[in-house]
Amino acid sequence: MIENYLPVIMQAMVAIGFCASMLIMSLLLGKKGSKNSFKDTPYECGMLPIGDGAPRFSVKFYLVAMLFVIFDIEVVFLYPWAVQFRELTATGNMAFYSVCGFVGILTVAYVYALKKGALDWKA
């Protein structure tokens, strides 16, 4: 049974040996840099690293991102429906009414977002 796993074991040993040899060679042959406090400071596009690294974003940013995803998915569902509209309405109007319900729910969501001020950029 071990002969079935022998190629996998050999490949794992070669990979581990290669990684270990590269690490050892980099330690032996690599340049040893001098340590000082100026070289150890982080480089931020030519600016001095003052303050926090990541600025805080407003909740409004994430709210607009979620609204974009919601209304982007609307287009993903409406496009195939529009392409197949003639074939869907040939058998009846059920497809039309179902999409009217879908768009109606999204319209209610859009009005709700407007009422809450989610799309007001001045606030």
PDB file of N, CA and C in Angstrom:
ATOM      1  N   MET A   1       0.808  -1.191   0.000  1.00  0.00           N
ATOM      2  CA  MET A   1       0.000   0.000   0.000  1.00  0.00           C
ATOM      3  C   MET A   1       0.855   1.260   0.000  1.00  0.00           C
ATOM      4  N   ILE A   2       2.026   1.216   0.626  1.00  0.00           N
ATOM      5  CA  ILE A   2       2.882   2.398   0.696  1.00  0.00           C
ATOM      6  C   ILE A   2       3.406   2.798  -0.674  1.00  0.00           C
ATOM      7  N   GLU A   3       3.520   1.814  -1.592  1.00  0.00           N
ATOM      8  CA  GLU A   3       4.043   2.151  -2.928  1.00  0.00           C
ATOM      9  C   GLU A   3       3.078   3.045  -3.700  1.00  0.00           C
ATOM     10  N   ASN A   4       1.795   3.052  -3.321  1.00  0.00           N
ATOM     11  CA  ASN A   4       0.853   3.964  -3.971  1.00  0.00           C
ATOM     12  C   ASN A   4       1.097   5.419  -3.547  1.00  0.00           C
ATOM     13  N   TYR A   5       1.571   5.616  -2.315  1.00  0.00           N
ATOM     14  CA  TYR A   5       1.803   6.959  -1.799  1.00  0.00           C
ATOM     15  C   TYR A   5       3.242   7.422  -1.990  1.00  0.00           C
ATOM     16  N   LEU A   6       4.114   6.574  -2.508  1.00  0.00           N
ATOM     17  CA  LEU A   6       5.531   6.912  -2.657  1.00  0.00           C
ATOM     18  C   LEU A   6       5.765   8.136  -3.540  1.00  0.00           C
ATOM     19  N   PRO A   7       5.095   8.304  -4.685  1.00  0.00           N
ATOM     20  CA  PRO A   7       5.332   9.524  -5.475  1.00  0.00           C
ATOM     21  C   PRO A   7       4.915  10.801  -4.736  1.00  0.00           C
ATOM     22  N   VAL A   8       3.822  10.732  -3.977  1.00  0.00           N
ATOM     23  CA  VAL A   8       3.371  11.912  -3.233  1.00  0.00           C
ATOM     24  C   VAL A   8       4.360  12.252  -2.133  1.00  0.00           C
ATOM     25  N   ILE A   9       4.844  11.244  -1.440  1.00  0.00           N
ATOM     26  CA  ILE A   9       5.817  11.466  -0.368  1.00  0.00           C
ATOM     27  C   ILE A   9       7.108  12.030  -0.934  1.00  0.00           C
ATOM     28  N   MET A  10       7.556  11.496  -2.081  1.00  0.00           N
ATOM     29  CA  MET A  10       8.786  12.005  -2.701  1.00  0.00           C
ATOM     30  C   MET A  10       8.615  13.462  -3.144  1.00  0.00           C
ATOM     31  N   GLN A  11       7.463  13.802  -3.700  1.00  0.00           N
ATOM     32  CA  GLN A  11       7.231  15.182  -4.131  1.00  0.00           C
ATOM     33  C   GLN A  11       7.199  16.120  -2.927  1.00  0.00           C
ATOM     34  N   ALA A  12       6.580  15.699  -1.829  1.00  0.00           N
ATOM     35  CA  ALA A  12       6.537  16.527  -0.626  1.00  0.00           C
ATOM     36  C   ALA A  12       7.948  16.718  -0.064  1.00  0.00           C
ATOM     37  N   MET A  13       8.759  15.661  -0.089  1.00  0.00           N
ATOM     38  CA  MET A  13      10.133  15.782   0.405  1.00  0.00           C
ATOM     39  C   MET A  13      10.956  16.715  -0.463  1.00  0.00           C
ATOM     40  N   VAL A  14      10.798  16.636  -1.785  1.00  0.00           N
ATOM     41  CA  VAL A  14      11.525  17.544  -2.682  1.00  0.00           C
ATOM     42  C   VAL A  14      11.080  18.993  -2.449  1.00  0.00           C
ATOM     43  N   ALA A  15       9.779  19.230  -2.263  1.00  0.00           N
ATOM     44  CA  ALA A  15       9.282  20.583  -2.032  1.00  0.00           C
ATOM     45  C   ALA A  15       9.803  21.134  -0.708  1.00  0.00           C
ATOM     46  N   ILE A  16       9.770  20.349   0.349  1.00  0.00           N
ATOM     47  CA  ILE A  16      10.274  20.804   1.649  1.00  0.00           C
ATOM     48  C   ILE A  16      11.776  21.048   1.584  1.00  0.00           C
ATOM     49  N   GLY A  17      12.501  20.153   0.915  1.00  0.00           N
ATOM     50  CA  GLY A  17      13.948  20.339   0.757  1.00  0.00           C
ATOM     51  C   GLY A  17      14.287  21.589  -0.040  1.00  0.00           C
ATOM     52  N   PHE A  18      13.514  21.857  -1.102  1.00  0.00           N
ATOM     53  CA  PHE A  18      13.759  23.051  -1.907  1.00  0.00           C
ATOM     54  C   PHE A  18      13.525  24.309  -1.081  1.00  0.00           C
ATOM     55  N   CYS A  19      12.423  24.344  -0.320  1.00  0.00           N
ATOM     56  CA  CYS A  19      12.123  25.519   0.506  1.00  0.00           C
ATOM     57  C   CYS A  19      13.197  25.723   1.566  1.00  0.00           C
ATOM     58  N   ALA A  20      13.601  24.661   2.221  1.00  0.00           N
ATOM     59  CA  ALA A  20      14.625  24.774   3.256  1.00  0.00           C
ATOM     60  C   ALA A  20      15.955  25.232   2.664  1.00  0.00           C
ATOM     61  N   SER A  21      16.344  24.688   1.517  1.00  0.00           N
ATOM     62  CA  SER A  21      17.616  25.093   0.910  1.00  0.00           C
ATOM     63  C   SER A  21      17.580  26.557   0.471  1.00  0.00           C
ATOM     64  N   MET A  22      16.445  27.050  -0.033  1.00  0.00           N
ATOM     65  CA  MET A  22      16.350  28.458  -0.434  1.00  0.00           C
ATOM     66  C   MET A  22      16.445  29.378   0.784  1.00  0.00           C
ATOM     67  N   LEU A  23      15.824  29.002   1.893  1.00  0.00           N
ATOM     68  CA  LEU A  23      15.914  29.817   3.103  1.00  0.00           C
ATOM     69  C   LEU A  23      17.337  29.855   3.645  1.00  0.00           C
ATOM     70  N   ILE A  24      17.988  28.707   3.662  1.00  0.00           N
ATOM     71  CA  ILE A  24      19.369  28.648   4.162  1.00  0.00           C
ATOM     72  C   ILE A  24      20.297  29.430   3.255  1.00  0.00           C
ATOM     73  N   MET A  25      20.137  29.302   1.925  1.00  0.00           N
ATOM     74  CA  MET A  25      20.991  30.052   0.995  1.00  0.00           C
ATOM     75  C   MET A  25      20.767  31.552   1.127  1.00  0.00           C
ATOM     76  N   SER A  26      19.532  31.968   1.368  1.00  0.00           N
ATOM     77  CA  SER A  26      19.294  33.402   1.511  1.00  0.00           C
ATOM     78  C   SER A  26      19.935  33.934   2.786  1.00  0.00           C
ATOM     79  N   LEU A  27      19.964  33.121   3.842  1.00  0.00           N
ATOM     80  CA  LEU A  27      20.634  33.549   5.067  1.00  0.00           C
ATOM     81  C   LEU A  27      22.148  33.621   4.886  1.00  0.00           C
ATOM     82  N   LEU A  28      22.711  32.650   4.164  1.00  0.00           N
ATOM     83  CA  LEU A  28      24.159  32.599   4.000  1.00  0.00           C
ATOM     84  C   LEU A  28      24.659  33.606   2.975  1.00  0.00           C
ATOM     85  N   LEU A  29      23.949  33.767   1.872  1.00  0.00           N
ATOM     86  CA  LEU A  29      24.445  34.601   0.780  1.00  0.00           C
ATOM     87  C   LEU A  29      23.837  36.005   0.750  1.00  0.00           C
ATOM     88  N   GLY A  30      22.800  36.248   1.531  1.00  0.00           N
ATOM     89  CA  GLY A  30      22.123  37.541   1.495  1.00  0.00           C
ATOM     90  C   GLY A  30      22.934  38.633   2.152  1.00  0.00           C
ATOM     91  N   LYS A  31      22.614  39.883   1.770  1.00  0.00           N
ATOM     92  CA  LYS A  31      23.318  41.017   2.357  1.00  0.00           C
ATOM     93  C   LYS A  31      22.800  41.269   3.762  1.00  0.00           C
ATOM     94  N   LYS A  32      23.697  41.590   4.617  1.00  0.00           N
ATOM     95  CA  LYS A  32      23.343  41.943   5.983  1.00  0.00           C
ATOM     96  C   LYS A  32      23.253  43.465   6.053  1.00  0.00           C
ATOM     97  N   GLY A  33      22.053  43.975   6.197  1.00  0.00           N
ATOM     98  CA  GLY A  33      21.855  45.422   6.247  1.00  0.00           C
ATOM     99  C   GLY A  33      22.081  45.962   7.639  1.00  0.00           C
ATOM    100  N   SER A  34      22.513  47.212   7.665  1.00  0.00           N
ATOM    101  CA  SER A  34      22.707  47.846   8.964  1.00  0.00           C
ATOM    102  C   SER A  34      21.345  48.307   9.486  1.00  0.00           C
ATOM    103  N   LYS A  35      21.126  48.134  10.749  1.00  0.00           N
ATOM    104  CA  LYS A  35      19.860  48.502  11.363  1.00  0.00           C
ATOM    105  C   LYS A  35      19.976  49.890  11.970  1.00  0.00           C
ATOM    106  N   ASN A  36      19.057  50.764  11.586  1.00  0.00           N
ATOM    107  CA  ASN A  36      18.921  52.036  12.272  1.00  0.00           C
ATOM    108  C   ASN A  36      17.450  52.432  12.276  1.00  0.00           C
ATOM    109  N   SER A  37      17.088  53.370  13.103  1.00  0.00           N
ATOM    110  CA  SER A  37      15.677  53.707  13.283  1.00  0.00           C
ATOM    111  C   SER A  37      15.093  54.372  12.037  1.00  0.00           C
ATOM    112  N   PHE A  38      15.891  55.093  11.262  1.00  0.00           N
ATOM    113  CA  PHE A  38      15.368  55.750  10.072  1.00  0.00           C
ATOM    114  C   PHE A  38      14.983  54.731   9.006  1.00  0.00           C
ATOM    115  N   LYS A  39      15.813  53.703   8.835  1.00  0.00           N
ATOM    116  CA  LYS A  39      15.510  52.688   7.829  1.00  0.00           C
ATOM    117  C   LYS A  39      14.375  51.767   8.253  1.00  0.00           C
ATOM    118  N   ASP A  40      14.106  51.668   9.530  1.00  0.00           N
ATOM    119  CA  ASP A  40      13.051  50.793  10.007  1.00  0.00           C
ATOM    120  C   ASP A  40      11.668  51.447  10.015  1.00  0.00           C
ATOM    121  N   THR A  41      11.583  52.748   9.720  1.00  0.00           N
ATOM    122  CA  THR A  41      10.275  53.405   9.687  1.00  0.00           C
ATOM    123  C   THR A  41       9.557  53.041   8.397  1.00  0.00           C
ATOM    124  N   PRO A  42       8.231  52.916   8.443  1.00  0.00           N
ATOM    125  CA  PRO A  42       7.486  52.570   7.228  1.00  0.00           C
ATOM    126  C   PRO A  42       7.485  53.728   6.235  1.00  0.00           C
ATOM    127  N   TYR A  43       7.495  53.390   4.963  1.00  0.00           N
ATOM    128  CA  TYR A  43       7.487  54.391   3.896  1.00  0.00           C
ATOM    129  C   TYR A  43       6.066  54.552   3.381  1.00  0.00           C
ATOM    130  N   GLU A  44       5.560  55.770   3.415  1.00  0.00           N
ATOM    131  CA  GLU A  44       4.190  56.049   3.001  1.00  0.00           C
ATOM    132  C   GLU A  44       4.183  57.065   1.862  1.00  0.00           C
ATOM    133  N   CYS A  45       4.558  56.668   0.698  1.00  0.00           N
ATOM    134  CA  CYS A  45       4.459  57.493  -0.512  1.00  0.00           C
ATOM    135  C   CYS A  45       5.171  58.834  -0.357  1.00  0.00           C
ATOM    136  N   GLY A  46       6.274  58.866   0.324  1.00  0.00           N
ATOM    137  CA  GLY A  46       7.024  60.101   0.474  1.00  0.00           C
ATOM    138  C   GLY A  46       6.546  60.964   1.624  1.00  0.00           C
ATOM    139  N   MET A  47       5.463  60.563   2.281  1.00  0.00           N
ATOM    140  CA  MET A  47       4.928  61.334   3.402  1.00  0.00           C
ATOM    141  C   MET A  47       5.443  60.736   4.706  1.00  0.00           C
ATOM    142  N   LEU A  48       5.558  61.575   5.704  1.00  0.00           N
ATOM    143  CA  LEU A  48       5.946  61.071   7.006  1.00  0.00           C
ATOM    144  C   LEU A  48       4.792  60.265   7.596  1.00  0.00           C
ATOM    145  N   PRO A  49       5.074  59.119   8.197  1.00  0.00           N
ATOM    146  CA  PRO A  49       3.996  58.290   8.749  1.00  0.00           C
ATOM    147  C   PRO A  49       3.462  58.866  10.061  1.00  0.00           C
ATOM    148  N   ILE A  50       2.521  59.788   9.938  1.00  0.00           N
ATOM    149  CA  ILE A  50       1.918  60.430  11.106  1.00  0.00           C
ATOM    150  C   ILE A  50       0.454  60.024  11.162  1.00  0.00           C
ATOM    151  N   GLY A  51      -0.030  59.633  12.309  1.00  0.00           N
ATOM    152  CA  GLY A  51      -1.431  59.291  12.478  1.00  0.00           C
ATOM    153  C   GLY A  51      -1.703  57.821  12.230  1.00  0.00           C
ATOM    154  N   ASP A  52      -2.994  57.504  12.142  1.00  0.00           N
ATOM    155  CA  ASP A  52      -3.410  56.120  11.928  1.00  0.00           C
ATOM    156  C   ASP A  52      -3.129  55.698  10.498  1.00  0.00           C
ATOM    157  N   GLY A  53      -2.917  54.415  10.322  1.00  0.00           N
ATOM    158  CA  GLY A  53      -2.652  53.891   8.989  1.00  0.00           C
ATOM    159  C   GLY A  53      -3.889  53.840   8.108  1.00  0.00           C
ATOM    160  N   ALA A  54      -5.023  53.493   8.687  1.00  0.00           N
ATOM    161  CA  ALA A  54      -6.250  53.361   7.907  1.00  0.00           C
ATOM    162  C   ALA A  54      -7.264  54.402   8.384  1.00  0.00           C
ATOM    163  N   PRO A  55      -7.732  55.250   7.482  1.00  0.00           N
ATOM    164  CA  PRO A  55      -8.734  56.240   7.903  1.00  0.00           C
ATOM    165  C   PRO A  55     -10.077  55.577   8.159  1.00  0.00           C
ATOM    166  N   ARG A  56     -10.877  56.185   8.990  1.00  0.00           N
ATOM    167  CA  ARG A  56     -12.206  55.654   9.281  1.00  0.00           C
ATOM    168  C   ARG A  56     -13.161  56.136   8.206  1.00  0.00           C
ATOM    169  N   PHE A  57     -13.969  55.211   7.709  1.00  0.00           N
ATOM    170  CA  PHE A  57     -14.963  55.542   6.704  1.00  0.00           C
ATOM    171  C   PHE A  57     -16.316  55.731   7.372  1.00  0.00           C
ATOM    172  N   SER A  58     -17.108  56.591   6.791  1.00  0.00           N
ATOM    173  CA  SER A  58     -18.452  56.808   7.291  1.00  0.00           C
ATOM    174  C   SER A  58     -19.318  55.586   6.984  1.00  0.00           C
ATOM    175  N   VAL A  59     -20.330  55.393   7.789  1.00  0.00           N
ATOM    176  CA  VAL A  59     -21.273  54.306   7.558  1.00  0.00           C
ATOM    177  C   VAL A  59     -21.993  54.530   6.238  1.00  0.00           C
ATOM    178  N   LYS A  60     -22.125  55.788   5.835  1.00  0.00           N
ATOM    179  CA  LYS A  60     -22.794  56.134   4.578  1.00  0.00           C
ATOM    180  C   LYS A  60     -22.090  55.480   3.385  1.00  0.00           C
ATOM    181  N   PHE A  61     -20.780  55.371   3.450  1.00  0.00           N
ATOM    182  CA  PHE A  61     -20.017  54.722   2.381  1.00  0.00           C
ATOM    183  C   PHE A  61     -20.473  53.278   2.190  1.00  0.00           C
ATOM    184  N   TYR A  62     -20.616  52.544   3.280  1.00  0.00           N
ATOM    185  CA  TYR A  62     -21.032  51.152   3.201  1.00  0.00           C
ATOM    186  C   TYR A  62     -22.497  51.027   2.814  1.00  0.00           C
ATOM    187  N   LEU A  63     -23.318  51.976   3.251  1.00  0.00           N
ATOM    188  CA  LEU A  63     -24.727  51.963   2.889  1.00  0.00           C
ATOM    189  C   LEU A  63     -24.902  52.160   1.388  1.00  0.00           C
ATOM    190  N   VAL A  64     -24.159  53.093   0.822  1.00  0.00           N
ATOM    191  CA  VAL A  64     -24.231  53.318  -0.626  1.00  0.00           C
ATOM    192  C   VAL A  64     -23.697  52.096  -1.374  1.00  0.00           C
ATOM    193  N   ALA A  65     -22.674  51.451  -0.848  1.00  0.00           N
ATOM    194  CA  ALA A  65     -22.134  50.246  -1.494  1.00  0.00           C
ATOM    195  C   ALA A  65     -23.173  49.125  -1.491  1.00  0.00           C
ATOM    196  N   MET A  66     -23.880  48.954  -0.375  1.00  0.00           N
ATOM    197  CA  MET A  66     -24.909  47.912  -0.323  1.00  0.00           C
ATOM    198  C   MET A  66     -26.063  48.237  -1.263  1.00  0.00           C
ATOM    199  N   LEU A  67     -26.450  49.503  -1.338  1.00  0.00           N
ATOM    200  CA  LEU A  67     -27.521  49.880  -2.263  1.00  0.00           C
ATOM    201  C   LEU A  67     -27.103  49.650  -3.711  1.00  0.00           C
ATOM    202  N   PHE A  68     -25.842  49.915  -4.014  1.00  0.00           N
ATOM    203  CA  PHE A  68     -25.350  49.659  -5.364  1.00  0.00           C
ATOM    204  C   PHE A  68     -25.449  48.176  -5.701  1.00  0.00           C
ATOM    205  N   VAL A  69     -25.056  47.328  -4.761  1.00  0.00           N
ATOM    206  CA  VAL A  69     -25.125  45.885  -5.010  1.00  0.00           C
ATOM    207  C   VAL A  69     -26.573  45.448  -5.211  1.00  0.00           C
ATOM    208  N   ILE A  70     -27.477  45.955  -4.393  1.00  0.00           N
ATOM    209  CA  ILE A  70     -28.884  45.571  -4.509  1.00  0.00           C
ATOM    210  C   ILE A  70     -29.442  45.962  -5.871  1.00  0.00           C
ATOM    211  N   PHE A  71     -29.209  47.196  -6.295  1.00  0.00           N
ATOM    212  CA  PHE A  71     -29.782  47.642  -7.556  1.00  0.00           C
ATOM    213  C   PHE A  71     -28.996  47.118  -8.759  1.00  0.00           C
ATOM    214  N   ASP A  72     -27.772  46.696  -8.545  1.00  0.00           N
ATOM    215  CA  ASP A  72     -27.014  46.045  -9.608  1.00  0.00           C
ATOM    216  C   ASP A  72     -27.573  44.642  -9.853  1.00  0.00           C
ATOM    217  N   ILE A  73     -27.966  43.963  -8.800  1.00  0.00           N
ATOM    218  CA  ILE A  73     -28.568  42.643  -8.950  1.00  0.00           C
ATOM    219  C   ILE A  73     -29.897  42.742  -9.676  1.00  0.00           C
ATOM    220  N   GLU A  74     -30.588  43.866  -9.513  1.00  0.00           N
ATOM    221  CA  GLU A  74     -31.835  44.074 -10.255  1.00  0.00           C
ATOM    222  C   GLU A  74     -31.580  43.979 -11.755  1.00  0.00           C
ATOM    223  N   VAL A  75     -30.521  44.594 -12.216  1.00  0.00           N
ATOM    224  CA  VAL A  75     -30.201  44.550 -13.643  1.00  0.00           C
ATOM    225  C   VAL A  75     -29.842  43.131 -14.068  1.00  0.00           C
ATOM    226  N   VAL A  76     -29.160  42.402 -13.192  1.00  0.00           N
ATOM    227  CA  VAL A  76     -28.785  41.025 -13.510  1.00  0.00           C
ATOM    228  C   VAL A  76     -30.025  40.160 -13.720  1.00  0.00           C
ATOM    229  N   PHE A  77     -31.078  40.402 -12.957  1.00  0.00           N
ATOM    230  CA  PHE A  77     -32.304  39.620 -13.120  1.00  0.00           C
ATOM    231  C   PHE A  77     -33.193  40.136 -14.250  1.00  0.00           C
ATOM    232  N   LEU A  78     -33.154  41.432 -14.527  1.00  0.00           N
ATOM    233  CA  LEU A  78     -34.044  41.979 -15.549  1.00  0.00           C
ATOM    234  C   LEU A  78     -33.529  41.764 -16.969  1.00  0.00           C
ATOM    235  N   TYR A  79     -32.233  41.691 -17.154  1.00  0.00           N
ATOM    236  CA  TYR A  79     -31.693  41.554 -18.502  1.00  0.00           C
ATOM    237  C   TYR A  79     -32.113  40.237 -19.169  1.00  0.00           C
ATOM    238  N   PRO A  80     -31.955  39.077 -18.543  1.00  0.00           N
ATOM    239  CA  PRO A  80     -32.408  37.840 -19.201  1.00  0.00           C
ATOM    240  C   PRO A  80     -33.924  37.823 -19.417  1.00  0.00           C
ATOM    241  N   TRP A  81     -34.669  38.423 -18.497  1.00  0.00           N
ATOM    242  CA  TRP A  81     -36.120  38.507 -18.659  1.00  0.00           C
ATOM    243  C   TRP A  81     -36.464  39.334 -19.893  1.00  0.00           C
ATOM    244  N   ALA A  82     -35.767  40.447 -20.087  1.00  0.00           N
ATOM    245  CA  ALA A  82     -36.048  41.298 -21.244  1.00  0.00           C
ATOM    246  C   ALA A  82     -35.683  40.599 -22.547  1.00  0.00           C
ATOM    247  N   VAL A  83     -34.637  39.793 -22.537  1.00  0.00           N
ATOM    248  CA  VAL A  83     -34.230  39.084 -23.749  1.00  0.00           C
ATOM    249  C   VAL A  83     -35.270  38.034 -24.129  1.00  0.00           C
ATOM    250  N   GLN A  84     -35.839  37.367 -23.151  1.00  0.00           N
ATOM    251  CA  GLN A  84     -36.803  36.295 -23.401  1.00  0.00           C
ATOM    252  C   GLN A  84     -38.257  36.753 -23.272  1.00  0.00           C
ATOM    253  N   PHE A  85     -38.510  38.051 -23.326  1.00  0.00           N
ATOM    254  CA  PHE A  85     -39.847  38.573 -23.051  1.00  0.00           C
ATOM    255  C   PHE A  85     -40.898  38.043 -24.023  1.00  0.00           C
ATOM    256  N   ARG A  86     -40.592  37.999 -25.311  1.00  0.00           N
ATOM    257  CA  ARG A  86     -41.591  37.531 -26.299  1.00  0.00           C
ATOM    258  C   ARG A  86     -41.972  36.073 -26.066  1.00  0.00           C
ATOM    259  N   GLU A  87     -40.967  35.226 -25.791  1.00  0.00           N
ATOM    260  CA  GLU A  87     -41.264  33.818 -25.569  1.00  0.00           C
ATOM    261  C   GLU A  87     -42.030  33.612 -24.260  1.00  0.00           C
ATOM    262  N   LEU A  88     -41.742  34.435 -23.258  1.00  0.00           N
ATOM    263  CA  LEU A  88     -42.408  34.290 -21.972  1.00  0.00           C
ATOM    264  C   LEU A  88     -43.868  34.750 -22.032  1.00  0.00           C
ATOM    265  N   THR A  89     -44.141  35.804 -22.802  1.00  0.00           N
ATOM    266  CA  THR A  89     -45.514  36.312 -22.871  1.00  0.00           C
ATOM    267  C   THR A  89     -46.353  35.573 -23.897  1.00  0.00           C
ATOM    268  N   ALA A  90     -45.760  34.698 -24.688  1.00  0.00           N
ATOM    269  CA  ALA A  90     -46.541  33.937 -25.670  1.00  0.00           C
ATOM    270  C   ALA A  90     -47.458  32.933 -24.966  1.00  0.00           C
ATOM    271  N   THR A  91     -47.030  32.424 -23.822  1.00  0.00           N
ATOM    272  CA  THR A  91     -47.848  31.450 -23.105  1.00  0.00           C
ATOM    273  C   THR A  91     -48.785  32.103 -22.093  1.00  0.00           C
ATOM    274  N   GLY A  92     -48.573  33.339 -21.768  1.00  0.00           N
ATOM    275  CA  GLY A  92     -49.421  34.040 -20.795  1.00  0.00           C
ATOM    276  C   GLY A  92     -48.690  35.236 -20.230  1.00  0.00           C
ATOM    277  N   ASN A  93     -49.362  35.962 -19.367  1.00  0.00           N
ATOM    278  CA  ASN A  93     -48.778  37.177 -18.812  1.00  0.00           C
ATOM    279  C   ASN A  93     -48.204  36.981 -17.414  1.00  0.00           C
ATOM    280  N   MET A  94     -48.043  35.746 -16.967  1.00  0.00           N
ATOM    281  CA  MET A  94     -47.537  35.489 -15.623  1.00  0.00           C
ATOM    282  C   MET A  94     -46.120  36.028 -15.445  1.00  0.00           C
ATOM    283  N   ALA A  95     -45.286  35.902 -16.466  1.00  0.00           N
ATOM    284  CA  ALA A  95     -43.914  36.406 -16.376  1.00  0.00           C
ATOM    285  C   ALA A  95     -43.913  37.920 -16.249  1.00  0.00           C
ATOM    286  N   PHE A  96     -44.819  38.576 -16.947  1.00  0.00           N
ATOM    287  CA  PHE A  96     -44.892  40.037 -16.869  1.00  0.00           C
ATOM    288  C   PHE A  96     -45.311  40.477 -15.468  1.00  0.00           C
ATOM    289  N   TYR A  97     -46.312  39.820 -14.897  1.00  0.00           N
ATOM    290  CA  TYR A  97     -46.790  40.201 -13.572  1.00  0.00           C
ATOM    291  C   TYR A  97     -45.766  39.895 -12.480  1.00  0.00           C
ATOM    292  N   SER A  98     -45.038  38.817 -12.637  1.00  0.00           N
ATOM    293  CA  SER A  98     -44.018  38.490 -11.637  1.00  0.00           C
ATOM    294  C   SER A  98     -42.896  39.517 -11.651  1.00  0.00           C
ATOM    295  N   VAL A  99     -42.490  39.979 -12.842  1.00  0.00           N
ATOM    296  CA  VAL A  99     -41.449  40.996 -12.915  1.00  0.00           C
ATOM    297  C   VAL A  99     -41.992  42.341 -12.434  1.00  0.00           C
ATOM    298  N   CYS A 100     -43.272  42.608 -12.662  1.00  0.00           N
ATOM    299  CA  CYS A 100     -43.866  43.833 -12.117  1.00  0.00           C
ATOM    300  C   CYS A 100     -43.822  43.810 -10.592  1.00  0.00           C
ATOM    301  N   GLY A 101     -44.065  42.655 -10.000  1.00  0.00           N
ATOM    302  CA  GLY A 101     -43.943  42.527  -8.548  1.00  0.00           C
ATOM    303  C   GLY A 101     -42.518  42.725  -8.077  1.00  0.00           C
ATOM    304  N   PHE A 102     -41.564  42.167  -8.814  1.00  0.00           N
ATOM    305  CA  PHE A 102     -40.152  42.317  -8.481  1.00  0.00           C
ATOM    306  C   PHE A 102     -39.735  43.783  -8.536  1.00  0.00           C
ATOM    307  N   VAL A 103     -40.113  44.464  -9.614  1.00  0.00           N
ATOM    308  CA  VAL A 103     -39.774  45.885  -9.762  1.00  0.00           C
ATOM    309  C   VAL A 103     -40.528  46.711  -8.716  1.00  0.00           C
ATOM    310  N   GLY A 104     -41.738  46.297  -8.370  1.00  0.00           N
ATOM    311  CA  GLY A 104     -42.484  47.005  -7.335  1.00  0.00           C
ATOM    312  C   GLY A 104     -41.791  46.943  -5.984  1.00  0.00           C
ATOM    313  N   ILE A 105     -41.296  45.767  -5.622  1.00  0.00           N
ATOM    314  CA  ILE A 105     -40.567  45.628  -4.364  1.00  0.00           C
ATOM    315  C   ILE A 105     -39.301  46.483  -4.387  1.00  0.00           C
ATOM    316  N   LEU A 106     -38.602  46.506  -5.510  1.00  0.00           N
ATOM    317  CA  LEU A 106     -37.399  47.334  -5.607  1.00  0.00           C
ATOM    318  C   LEU A 106     -37.736  48.821  -5.576  1.00  0.00           C
ATOM    319  N   THR A 107     -38.901  49.192  -6.109  1.00  0.00           N
ATOM    320  CA  THR A 107     -39.316  50.590  -6.043  1.00  0.00           C
ATOM    321  C   THR A 107     -39.596  50.992  -4.601  1.00  0.00           C
ATOM    322  N   VAL A 108     -40.233  50.101  -3.851  1.00  0.00           N
ATOM    323  CA  VAL A 108     -40.470  50.378  -2.432  1.00  0.00           C
ATOM    324  C   VAL A 108     -39.134  50.531  -1.701  1.00  0.00           C
ATOM    325  N   ALA A 109     -38.157  49.679  -2.016  1.00  0.00           N
ATOM    326  CA  ALA A 109     -36.833  49.781  -1.394  1.00  0.00           C
ATOM    327  C   ALA A 109     -36.146  51.088  -1.777  1.00  0.00           C
ATOM    328  N   TYR A 110     -36.312  51.518  -3.009  1.00  0.00           N
ATOM    329  CA  TYR A 110     -35.718  52.772  -3.463  1.00  0.00           C
ATOM    330  C   TYR A 110     -36.355  53.967  -2.758  1.00  0.00           C
ATOM    331  N   VAL A 111     -37.663  53.964  -2.632  1.00  0.00           N
ATOM    332  CA  VAL A 111     -38.356  55.049  -1.929  1.00  0.00           C
ATOM    333  C   VAL A 111     -37.944  55.064  -0.454  1.00  0.00           C
ATOM    334  N   TYR A 112     -37.817  53.903   0.142  1.00  0.00           N
ATOM    335  CA  TYR A 112     -37.366  53.813   1.532  1.00  0.00           C
ATOM    336  C   TYR A 112     -35.962  54.406   1.681  1.00  0.00           C
ATOM    337  N   ALA A 113     -35.065  54.080   0.748  1.00  0.00           N
ATOM    338  CA  ALA A 113     -33.705  54.627   0.803  1.00  0.00           C
ATOM    339  C   ALA A 113     -33.724  56.140   0.634  1.00  0.00           C
ATOM    340  N   LEU A 114     -34.588  56.643  -0.226  1.00  0.00           N
ATOM    341  CA  LEU A 114     -34.701  58.101  -0.390  1.00  0.00           C
ATOM    342  C   LEU A 114     -35.234  58.756   0.874  1.00  0.00           C
ATOM    343  N   LYS A 115     -36.236  58.161   1.491  1.00  0.00           N
ATOM    344  CA  LYS A 115     -36.823  58.730   2.710  1.00  0.00           C
ATOM    345  C   LYS A 115     -35.820  58.737   3.867  1.00  0.00           C
ATOM    346  N   LYS A 116     -34.987  57.706   3.952  1.00  0.00           N
ATOM    347  CA  LYS A 116     -33.983  57.633   5.011  1.00  0.00           C
ATOM    348  C   LYS A 116     -32.791  58.541   4.748  1.00  0.00           C
ATOM    349  N   GLY A 117     -32.683  59.093   3.528  1.00  0.00           N
ATOM    350  CA  GLY A 117     -31.566  59.964   3.187  1.00  0.00           C
ATOM    351  C   GLY A 117     -30.296  59.215   2.833  1.00  0.00           C
ATOM    352  N   ALA A 118     -30.431  57.965   2.419  1.00  0.00           N
ATOM    353  CA  ALA A 118     -29.262  57.160   2.086  1.00  0.00           C
ATOM    354  C   ALA A 118     -28.557  57.668   0.844  1.00  0.00           C
ATOM    355  N   LEU A 119     -29.294  58.324  -0.039  1.00  0.00           N
ATOM    356  CA  LEU A 119     -28.700  58.810  -1.296  1.00  0.00           C
ATOM    357  C   LEU A 119     -28.432  60.310  -1.253  1.00  0.00           C
ATOM    358  N   ASP A 120     -28.539  60.924  -0.089  1.00  0.00           N
ATOM    359  CA  ASP A 120     -28.274  62.355   0.062  1.00  0.00           C
ATOM    360  C   ASP A 120     -26.777  62.544   0.302  1.00  0.00           C
ATOM    361  N   TRP A 121     -26.087  63.131  -0.637  1.00  0.00           N
ATOM    362  CA  TRP A 121     -24.627  63.250  -0.555  1.00  0.00           C
ATOM    363  C   TRP A 121     -24.169  64.404   0.324  1.00  0.00           C
ATOM    364  N   LYS A 122     -25.062  65.324   0.653  1.00  0.00           N
ATOM    365  CA  LYS A 122     -24.649  66.494   1.431  1.00  0.00           C
ATOM    366  C   LYS A 122     -24.550  66.189   2.921  1.00  0.00           C
ATOM    367  N   ALA A 123     -25.290  65.202   3.386  1.00  0.00           N
ATOM    368  CA  ALA A 123     -25.307  64.896   4.825  1.00  0.00           C
ATOM    369  C   ALA A 123     -24.129  64.038   5.235  1.00  0.00           C
TER     370      ALA A 123
END
